[in-house]
């Protein structure tokens, strides 16, 4: 089993990568950009983001017509841990 496969055994790929992408974003990010970055449909990303918001991992910040995404401190910590585990595998 290669590194990517073993990582996916422990984590669902798309949600984990969403957190990591949000953590590493160099500018403000919103759902459609995130969907492109992780190669996922917009509707699937929004569904996952809503669950992450309920779990207090992200916040939506409304700016005009855009809903910007930001990690909470809990979300940032989890994203950092996911990234660490990924590099260890």
PDB file of N, CA and C in Angstrom:
ATOM      1  N   UNK A   1       0.842  -1.176   0.000  1.00  0.00           N
ATOM      2  CA  UNK A   1       0.000   0.000   0.000  1.00  0.00           C
ATOM      3  C   UNK A   1       0.893   1.247   0.000  1.00  0.00           C
ATOM      4  N   UNK A   2       0.621   2.201  -0.904  1.00  0.00           N
ATOM      5  CA  UNK A   2       1.467   3.390  -0.938  1.00  0.00           C
ATOM      6  C   UNK A   2       0.997   4.425   0.086  1.00  0.00           C
ATOM      7  N   UNK A   3       1.739   5.524   0.207  1.00  0.00           N
ATOM      8  CA  UNK A   3       1.470   6.535   1.229  1.00  0.00           C
ATOM      9  C   UNK A   3       0.079   7.135   1.099  1.00  0.00           C
ATOM     10  N   UNK A   4      -0.338   7.420  -0.128  1.00  0.00           N
ATOM     11  CA  UNK A   4      -1.644   8.032  -0.349  1.00  0.00           C
ATOM     12  C   UNK A   4      -2.757   7.066   0.064  1.00  0.00           C
ATOM     13  N   UNK A   5      -2.617   5.811  -0.284  1.00  0.00           N
ATOM     14  CA  UNK A   5      -3.641   4.825   0.061  1.00  0.00           C
ATOM     15  C   UNK A   5      -3.759   4.651   1.573  1.00  0.00           C
ATOM     16  N   UNK A   6      -2.645   4.611   2.265  1.00  0.00           N
ATOM     17  CA  UNK A   6      -2.686   4.413   3.715  1.00  0.00           C
ATOM     18  C   UNK A   6      -3.297   5.636   4.383  1.00  0.00           C
ATOM     19  N   UNK A   7      -3.020   6.822   3.861  1.00  0.00           N
ATOM     20  CA  UNK A   7      -3.609   8.048   4.399  1.00  0.00           C
ATOM     21  C   UNK A   7      -5.132   7.998   4.270  1.00  0.00           C
ATOM     22  N   UNK A   8      -5.613   7.535   3.123  1.00  0.00           N
ATOM     23  CA  UNK A   8      -7.046   7.464   2.875  1.00  0.00           C
ATOM     24  C   UNK A   8      -7.734   6.400   3.730  1.00  0.00           C
ATOM     25  N   UNK A   9      -6.975   5.457   4.259  1.00  0.00           N
ATOM     26  CA  UNK A   9      -7.536   4.469   5.175  1.00  0.00           C
ATOM     27  C   UNK A   9      -7.996   5.184   6.456  1.00  0.00           C
ATOM     28  N   UNK A  10      -7.213   6.148   6.907  1.00  0.00           N
ATOM     29  CA  UNK A  10      -7.499   6.843   8.152  1.00  0.00           C
ATOM     30  C   UNK A  10      -8.389   8.066   7.994  1.00  0.00           C
ATOM     31  N   UNK A  11      -8.353   8.697   6.839  1.00  0.00           N
ATOM     32  CA  UNK A  11      -9.087   9.935   6.613  1.00  0.00           C
ATOM     33  C   UNK A  11      -9.811   9.892   5.281  1.00  0.00           C
ATOM     34  N   UNK A  12     -11.002  10.471   5.244  1.00  0.00           N
ATOM     35  CA  UNK A  12     -11.655  10.664   3.952  1.00  0.00           C
ATOM     36  C   UNK A  12     -10.882  11.775   3.256  1.00  0.00           C
ATOM     37  N   UNK A  13     -10.491  11.520   2.047  1.00  0.00           N
ATOM     38  CA  UNK A  13      -9.562  12.405   1.347  1.00  0.00           C
ATOM     39  C   UNK A  13     -10.069  13.839   1.195  1.00  0.00           C
ATOM     40  N   UNK A  14     -11.253  14.030   0.655  1.00  0.00           N
ATOM     41  CA  UNK A  14     -11.717  15.384   0.332  1.00  0.00           C
ATOM     42  C   UNK A  14     -11.869  16.274   1.565  1.00  0.00           C
ATOM     43  N   UNK A  15     -12.577  15.841   2.614  1.00  0.00           N
ATOM     44  CA  UNK A  15     -12.677  16.715   3.783  1.00  0.00           C
ATOM     45  C   UNK A  15     -11.322  17.036   4.419  1.00  0.00           C
ATOM     46  N   UNK A  16     -10.455  16.048   4.499  1.00  0.00           N
ATOM     47  CA  UNK A  16      -9.128  16.282   5.078  1.00  0.00           C
ATOM     48  C   UNK A  16      -8.354  17.288   4.245  1.00  0.00           C
ATOM     49  N   UNK A  17      -8.414  17.147   2.921  1.00  0.00           N
ATOM     50  CA  UNK A  17      -7.675  18.057   2.056  1.00  0.00           C
ATOM     51  C   UNK A  17      -8.291  19.458   2.065  1.00  0.00           C
ATOM     52  N   UNK A  18      -9.599  19.544   2.290  1.00  0.00           N
ATOM     53  CA  UNK A  18     -10.232  20.857   2.399  1.00  0.00           C
ATOM     54  C   UNK A  18      -9.657  21.629   3.580  1.00  0.00           C
ATOM     55  N   UNK A  19      -9.526  20.963   4.711  1.00  0.00           N
ATOM     56  CA  UNK A  19      -8.958  21.622   5.886  1.00  0.00           C
ATOM     57  C   UNK A  19      -7.514  22.048   5.639  1.00  0.00           C
ATOM     58  N   UNK A  20      -6.739  21.179   5.027  1.00  0.00           N
ATOM     59  CA  UNK A  20      -5.339  21.500   4.747  1.00  0.00           C
ATOM     60  C   UNK A  20      -5.239  22.667   3.761  1.00  0.00           C
ATOM     61  N   UNK A  21      -6.064  22.664   2.724  1.00  0.00           N
ATOM     62  CA  UNK A  21      -6.065  23.766   1.751  1.00  0.00           C
ATOM     63  C   UNK A  21      -6.449  25.088   2.418  1.00  0.00           C
ATOM     64  N   UNK A  22      -7.437  25.056   3.293  1.00  0.00           N
ATOM     65  CA  UNK A  22      -7.832  26.274   4.002  1.00  0.00           C
ATOM     66  C   UNK A  22      -6.697  26.774   4.890  1.00  0.00           C
ATOM     67  N   UNK A  23      -6.019  25.848   5.537  1.00  0.00           N
ATOM     68  CA  UNK A  23      -4.897  26.218   6.412  1.00  0.00           C
ATOM     69  C   UNK A  23      -3.770  26.870   5.611  1.00  0.00           C
ATOM     70  N   UNK A  24      -3.508  26.341   4.436  1.00  0.00           N
ATOM     71  CA  UNK A  24      -2.378  26.814   3.637  1.00  0.00           C
ATOM     72  C   UNK A  24      -2.734  27.916   2.646  1.00  0.00           C
ATOM     73  N   UNK A  25      -3.976  28.367   2.642  1.00  0.00           N
ATOM     74  CA  UNK A  25      -4.406  29.397   1.691  1.00  0.00           C
ATOM     75  C   UNK A  25      -3.608  30.682   1.920  1.00  0.00           C
ATOM     76  N   UNK A  26      -3.122  31.251   0.828  1.00  0.00           N
ATOM     77  CA  UNK A  26      -2.332  32.474   0.920  1.00  0.00           C
ATOM     78  C   UNK A  26      -3.200  33.718   0.821  1.00  0.00           C
ATOM     79  N   UNK A  27      -4.438  33.548   0.430  1.00  0.00           N
ATOM     80  CA  UNK A  27      -5.368  34.672   0.364  1.00  0.00           C
ATOM     81  C   UNK A  27      -6.737  34.187   0.801  1.00  0.00           C
ATOM     82  N   UNK A  28      -7.703  35.084   0.770  1.00  0.00           N
ATOM     83  CA  UNK A  28      -9.055  34.699   1.164  1.00  0.00           C
ATOM     84  C   UNK A  28      -9.594  33.670   0.181  1.00  0.00           C
ATOM     85  N   UNK A  29     -10.389  32.769   0.691  1.00  0.00           N
ATOM     86  CA  UNK A  29     -10.849  31.656  -0.132  1.00  0.00           C
ATOM     87  C   UNK A  29     -12.344  31.449   0.092  1.00  0.00           C
ATOM     88  N   UNK A  30     -13.015  31.020  -0.955  1.00  0.00           N
ATOM     89  CA  UNK A  30     -14.431  30.693  -0.842  1.00  0.00           C
ATOM     90  C   UNK A  30     -14.680  29.352  -1.505  1.00  0.00           C
ATOM     91  N   UNK A  31     -15.901  28.845  -1.356  1.00  0.00           N
ATOM     92  CA  UNK A  31     -16.215  27.457  -1.691  1.00  0.00           C
ATOM     93  C   UNK A  31     -15.881  27.069  -3.132  1.00  0.00           C
ATOM     94  N   UNK A  32     -16.168  27.921  -4.100  1.00  0.00           N
ATOM     95  CA  UNK A  32     -15.916  27.524  -5.493  1.00  0.00           C
ATOM     96  C   UNK A  32     -14.421  27.382  -5.777  1.00  0.00           C
ATOM     97  N   UNK A  33     -13.602  28.228  -5.180  1.00  0.00           N
ATOM     98  CA  UNK A  33     -12.142  28.101  -5.344  1.00  0.00           C
ATOM     99  C   UNK A  33     -11.666  26.806  -4.693  1.00  0.00           C
ATOM    100  N   UNK A  34     -12.167  26.539  -3.497  1.00  0.00           N
ATOM    101  CA  UNK A  34     -11.793  25.320  -2.776  1.00  0.00           C
ATOM    102  C   UNK A  34     -12.181  24.078  -3.577  1.00  0.00           C
ATOM    103  N   UNK A  35     -13.348  24.098  -4.187  1.00  0.00           N
ATOM    104  CA  UNK A  35     -13.807  22.970  -5.005  1.00  0.00           C
ATOM    105  C   UNK A  35     -12.834  22.693  -6.147  1.00  0.00           C
ATOM    106  N   UNK A  36     -12.352  23.738  -6.788  1.00  0.00           N
ATOM    107  CA  UNK A  36     -11.384  23.571  -7.889  1.00  0.00           C
ATOM    108  C   UNK A  36     -10.053  23.032  -7.369  1.00  0.00           C
ATOM    109  N   UNK A  37      -9.622  23.541  -6.229  1.00  0.00           N
ATOM    110  CA  UNK A  37      -8.322  23.134  -5.688  1.00  0.00           C
ATOM    111  C   UNK A  37      -8.280  21.659  -5.318  1.00  0.00           C
ATOM    112  N   UNK A  38      -9.393  21.124  -4.849  1.00  0.00           N
ATOM    113  CA  UNK A  38      -9.382  19.712  -4.435  1.00  0.00           C
ATOM    114  C   UNK A  38     -10.075  18.806  -5.445  1.00  0.00           C
ATOM    115  N   UNK A  39     -10.432  19.367  -6.595  1.00  0.00           N
ATOM    116  CA  UNK A  39     -11.068  18.606  -7.677  1.00  0.00           C
ATOM    117  C   UNK A  39     -12.344  17.913  -7.190  1.00  0.00           C
ATOM    118  N   UNK A  40     -13.286  18.732  -6.770  1.00  0.00           N
ATOM    119  CA  UNK A  40     -14.534  18.240  -6.207  1.00  0.00           C
ATOM    120  C   UNK A  40     -15.669  19.149  -6.687  1.00  0.00           C
ATOM    121  N   UNK A  41     -16.892  18.649  -6.687  1.00  0.00           N
ATOM    122  CA  UNK A  41     -18.003  19.492  -7.119  1.00  0.00           C
ATOM    123  C   UNK A  41     -18.312  20.540  -6.048  1.00  0.00           C
ATOM    124  N   UNK A  42     -18.822  21.666  -6.498  1.00  0.00           N
ATOM    125  CA  UNK A  42     -19.173  22.759  -5.613  1.00  0.00           C
ATOM    126  C   UNK A  42     -20.198  22.298  -4.568  1.00  0.00           C
ATOM    127  N   UNK A  43     -21.226  21.577  -5.016  1.00  0.00           N
ATOM    128  CA  UNK A  43     -22.283  21.158  -4.093  1.00  0.00           C
ATOM    129  C   UNK A  43     -21.747  20.217  -3.010  1.00  0.00           C
ATOM    130  N   UNK A  44     -20.825  19.338  -3.379  1.00  0.00           N
ATOM    131  CA  UNK A  44     -20.231  18.427  -2.396  1.00  0.00           C
ATOM    132  C   UNK A  44     -19.396  19.220  -1.382  1.00  0.00           C
ATOM    133  N   UNK A  45     -18.641  20.191  -1.872  1.00  0.00           N
ATOM    134  CA  UNK A  45     -17.820  21.026  -0.989  1.00  0.00           C
ATOM    135  C   UNK A  45     -18.705  21.776   0.000  1.00  0.00           C
ATOM    136  N   UNK A  46     -19.790  22.363  -0.487  1.00  0.00           N
ATOM    137  CA  UNK A  46     -20.687  23.117   0.388  1.00  0.00           C
ATOM    138  C   UNK A  46     -21.285  22.213   1.460  1.00  0.00           C
ATOM    139  N   UNK A  47     -21.672  21.012   1.079  1.00  0.00           N
ATOM    140  CA  UNK A  47     -22.236  20.055   2.033  1.00  0.00           C
ATOM    141  C   UNK A  47     -21.216  19.724   3.133  1.00  0.00           C
ATOM    142  N   UNK A  48     -19.978  19.474   2.748  1.00  0.00           N
ATOM    143  CA  UNK A  48     -18.919  19.173   3.719  1.00  0.00           C
ATOM    144  C   UNK A  48     -18.637  20.395   4.596  1.00  0.00           C
ATOM    145  N   UNK A  49     -18.607  21.580   3.978  1.00  0.00           N
ATOM    146  CA  UNK A  49     -18.348  22.805   4.738  1.00  0.00           C
ATOM    147  C   UNK A  49     -19.427  23.051   5.792  1.00  0.00           C
ATOM    148  N   UNK A  50     -20.661  22.752   5.460  1.00  0.00           N
ATOM    149  CA  UNK A  50     -21.747  22.919   6.431  1.00  0.00           C
ATOM    150  C   UNK A  50     -21.547  21.996   7.631  1.00  0.00           C
ATOM    151  N   UNK A  51     -21.105  20.772   7.368  1.00  0.00           N
ATOM    152  CA  UNK A  51     -20.817  19.845   8.464  1.00  0.00           C
ATOM    153  C   UNK A  51     -19.624  20.331   9.293  1.00  0.00           C
ATOM    154  N   UNK A  52     -18.632  20.884   8.627  1.00  0.00           N
ATOM    155  CA  UNK A  52     -17.463  21.407   9.333  1.00  0.00           C
ATOM    156  C   UNK A  52     -17.840  22.610  10.192  1.00  0.00           C
ATOM    157  N   UNK A  53     -18.778  23.410   9.702  1.00  0.00           N
ATOM    158  CA  UNK A  53     -19.238  24.559  10.483  1.00  0.00           C
ATOM    159  C   UNK A  53     -19.962  24.084  11.742  1.00  0.00           C
ATOM    160  N   UNK A  54     -20.798  23.057  11.602  1.00  0.00           N
ATOM    161  CA  UNK A  54     -21.498  22.492  12.763  1.00  0.00           C
ATOM    162  C   UNK A  54     -20.504  21.955  13.792  1.00  0.00           C
ATOM    163  N   UNK A  55     -19.393  21.408  13.306  1.00  0.00           N
ATOM    164  CA  UNK A  55     -18.356  20.854  14.193  1.00  0.00           C
ATOM    165  C   UNK A  55     -17.394  21.938  14.687  1.00  0.00           C
ATOM    166  N   UNK A  56     -17.695  23.199  14.337  1.00  0.00           N
ATOM    167  CA  UNK A  56     -16.890  24.356  14.752  1.00  0.00           C
ATOM    168  C   UNK A  56     -15.448  24.303  14.250  1.00  0.00           C
ATOM    169  N   UNK A  57     -15.282  23.809  13.018  1.00  0.00           N
ATOM    170  CA  UNK A  57     -13.950  23.763  12.403  1.00  0.00           C
ATOM    171  C   UNK A  57     -13.726  24.963  11.482  1.00  0.00           C
ATOM    172  N   UNK A  58     -14.813  25.490  10.924  1.00  0.00           N
ATOM    173  CA  UNK A  58     -14.713  26.643  10.030  1.00  0.00           C
ATOM    174  C   UNK A  58     -15.814  27.642  10.362  1.00  0.00           C
ATOM    175  N   UNK A  59     -15.598  28.867   9.876  1.00  0.00           N
ATOM    176  CA  UNK A  59     -16.622  29.905   9.928  1.00  0.00           C
ATOM    177  C   UNK A  59     -16.808  30.455   8.525  1.00  0.00           C
ATOM    178  N   UNK A  60     -18.023  30.856   8.226  1.00  0.00           N
ATOM    179  CA  UNK A  60     -18.302  31.577   6.992  1.00  0.00           C
ATOM    180  C   UNK A  60     -18.294  33.060   7.341  1.00  0.00           C
ATOM    181  N   UNK A  61     -17.602  33.833   6.535  1.00  0.00           N
ATOM    182  CA  UNK A  61     -17.555  35.279   6.744  1.00  0.00           C
ATOM    183  C   UNK A  61     -18.119  35.937   5.494  1.00  0.00           C
ATOM    184  N   UNK A  62     -19.269  36.586   5.636  1.00  0.00           N
ATOM    185  CA  UNK A  62     -19.930  37.181   4.482  1.00  0.00           C
ATOM    186  C   UNK A  62     -19.259  38.503   4.127  1.00  0.00           C
ATOM    187  N   UNK A  63     -18.893  38.628   2.868  1.00  0.00           N
ATOM    188  CA  UNK A  63     -18.289  39.859   2.366  1.00  0.00           C
ATOM    189  C   UNK A  63     -18.970  40.187   1.047  1.00  0.00           C
ATOM    190  N   UNK A  64     -19.956  41.066   1.097  1.00  0.00           N
ATOM    191  CA  UNK A  64     -20.759  41.335  -0.098  1.00  0.00           C
ATOM    192  C   UNK A  64     -21.564  40.097  -0.450  1.00  0.00           C
ATOM    193  N   UNK A  65     -21.421  39.652  -1.686  1.00  0.00           N
ATOM    194  CA  UNK A  65     -22.125  38.447  -2.125  1.00  0.00           C
ATOM    195  C   UNK A  65     -21.328  37.173  -1.868  1.00  0.00           C
ATOM    196  N   UNK A  66     -20.082  37.333  -1.461  1.00  0.00           N
ATOM    197  CA  UNK A  66     -19.216  36.173  -1.243  1.00  0.00           C
ATOM    198  C   UNK A  66     -19.283  35.694   0.199  1.00  0.00           C
ATOM    199  N   UNK A  67     -19.188  34.393   0.355  1.00  0.00           N
ATOM    200  CA  UNK A  67     -19.053  33.786   1.683  1.00  0.00           C
ATOM    201  C   UNK A  67     -17.621  33.270   1.787  1.00  0.00           C
ATOM    202  N   UNK A  68     -16.792  34.026   2.461  1.00  0.00           N
ATOM    203  CA  UNK A  68     -15.400  33.614   2.634  1.00  0.00           C
ATOM    204  C   UNK A  68     -15.304  32.577   3.736  1.00  0.00           C
ATOM    205  N   UNK A  69     -14.295  31.746   3.627  1.00  0.00           N
ATOM    206  CA  UNK A  69     -14.094  30.658   4.584  1.00  0.00           C
ATOM    207  C   UNK A  69     -12.891  30.968   5.455  1.00  0.00           C
ATOM    208  N   UNK A  70     -13.016  30.641   6.721  1.00  0.00           N
ATOM    209  CA  UNK A  70     -11.862  30.759   7.614  1.00  0.00           C
ATOM    210  C   UNK A  70     -11.909  29.636   8.633  1.00  0.00           C
ATOM    211  N   UNK A  71     -10.738  29.126   8.941  1.00  0.00           N
ATOM    212  CA  UNK A  71     -10.638  28.068   9.943  1.00  0.00           C
ATOM    213  C   UNK A  71     -10.776  28.660  11.339  1.00  0.00           C
ATOM    214  N   UNK A  72     -11.421  27.932  12.213  1.00  0.00           N
ATOM    215  CA  UNK A  72     -11.406  28.294  13.628  1.00  0.00           C
ATOM    216  C   UNK A  72     -10.078  27.808  14.194  1.00  0.00           C
ATOM    217  N   UNK A  73      -9.802  28.135  15.434  1.00  0.00           N
ATOM    218  CA  UNK A  73      -8.539  27.648  16.022  1.00  0.00           C
ATOM    219  C   UNK A  73      -8.557  26.122  16.104  1.00  0.00           C
ATOM    220  N   UNK A  74      -9.725  25.551  16.399  1.00  0.00           N
ATOM    221  CA  UNK A  74      -9.863  24.089  16.434  1.00  0.00           C
ATOM    222  C   UNK A  74      -9.612  23.505  15.035  1.00  0.00           C
ATOM    223  N   UNK A  75     -10.171  24.124  14.006  1.00  0.00           N
ATOM    224  CA  UNK A  75      -9.977  23.673  12.629  1.00  0.00           C
ATOM    225  C   UNK A  75      -8.523  23.773  12.203  1.00  0.00           C
ATOM    226  N   UNK A  76      -7.872  24.851  12.616  1.00  0.00           N
ATOM    227  CA  UNK A  76      -6.454  25.046  12.267  1.00  0.00           C
ATOM    228  C   UNK A  76      -5.596  23.964  12.913  1.00  0.00           C
ATOM    229  N   UNK A  77      -5.897  23.659  14.156  1.00  0.00           N
ATOM    230  CA  UNK A  77      -5.135  22.628  14.871  1.00  0.00           C
ATOM    231  C   UNK A  77      -5.328  21.258  14.218  1.00  0.00           C
ATOM    232  N   UNK A  78      -6.547  20.933  13.851  1.00  0.00           N
ATOM    233  CA  UNK A  78      -6.826  19.646  13.202  1.00  0.00           C
ATOM    234  C   UNK A  78      -6.141  19.583  11.837  1.00  0.00           C
ATOM    235  N   UNK A  79      -6.201  20.679  11.078  1.00  0.00           N
ATOM    236  CA  UNK A  79      -5.543  20.717   9.764  1.00  0.00           C
ATOM    237  C   UNK A  79      -4.035  20.503   9.912  1.00  0.00           C
ATOM    238  N   UNK A  80      -3.446  21.123  10.912  1.00  0.00           N
ATOM    239  CA  UNK A  80      -2.004  20.946  11.159  1.00  0.00           C
ATOM    240  C   UNK A  80      -1.688  19.492  11.488  1.00  0.00           C
ATOM    241  N   UNK A  81      -2.526  18.874  12.309  1.00  0.00           N
ATOM    242  CA  UNK A  81      -2.306  17.466  12.665  1.00  0.00           C
ATOM    243  C   UNK A  81      -2.467  16.549  11.453  1.00  0.00           C
ATOM    244  N   UNK A  82      -3.451  16.820  10.614  1.00  0.00           N
ATOM    245  CA  UNK A  82      -3.642  16.024   9.388  1.00  0.00           C
ATOM    246  C   UNK A  82      -2.403  16.126   8.514  1.00  0.00           C
ATOM    247  N   UNK A  83      -1.903  17.347   8.373  1.00  0.00           N
ATOM    248  CA  UNK A  83      -0.705  17.560   7.554  1.00  0.00           C
ATOM    249  C   UNK A  83       0.494  16.816   8.135  1.00  0.00           C
ATOM    250  N   UNK A  84       0.642  16.837   9.448  1.00  0.00           N
ATOM    251  CA  UNK A  84       1.751  16.136  10.102  1.00  0.00           C
ATOM    252  C   UNK A  84       1.660  14.630   9.880  1.00  0.00           C
ATOM    253  N   UNK A  85       0.470  14.087  10.067  1.00  0.00           N
ATOM    254  CA  UNK A  85       0.280  12.643   9.865  1.00  0.00           C
ATOM    255  C   UNK A  85       0.563  12.276   8.420  1.00  0.00           C
ATOM    256  N   UNK A  86       0.097  13.095   7.492  1.00  0.00           N
ATOM    257  CA  UNK A  86       0.315  12.833   6.076  1.00  0.00           C
ATOM    258  C   UNK A  86       1.803  12.775   5.735  1.00  0.00           C
ATOM    259  N   UNK A  87       2.575  13.669   6.319  1.00  0.00           N
ATOM    260  CA  UNK A  87       4.014  13.656   6.030  1.00  0.00           C
ATOM    261  C   UNK A  87       4.714  12.479   6.707  1.00  0.00           C
ATOM    262  N   UNK A  88       4.192  12.020   7.839  1.00  0.00           N
ATOM    263  CA  UNK A  88       4.783  10.850   8.505  1.00  0.00           C
ATOM    264  C   UNK A  88       4.553   9.561   7.739  1.00  0.00           C
ATOM    265  N   UNK A  89       3.407   9.485   7.042  1.00  0.00           N
ATOM    266  CA  UNK A  89       3.096   8.274   6.293  1.00  0.00           C
ATOM    267  C   UNK A  89       3.968   8.269   5.084  1.00  0.00           C
TER     268      UNK A  89
END
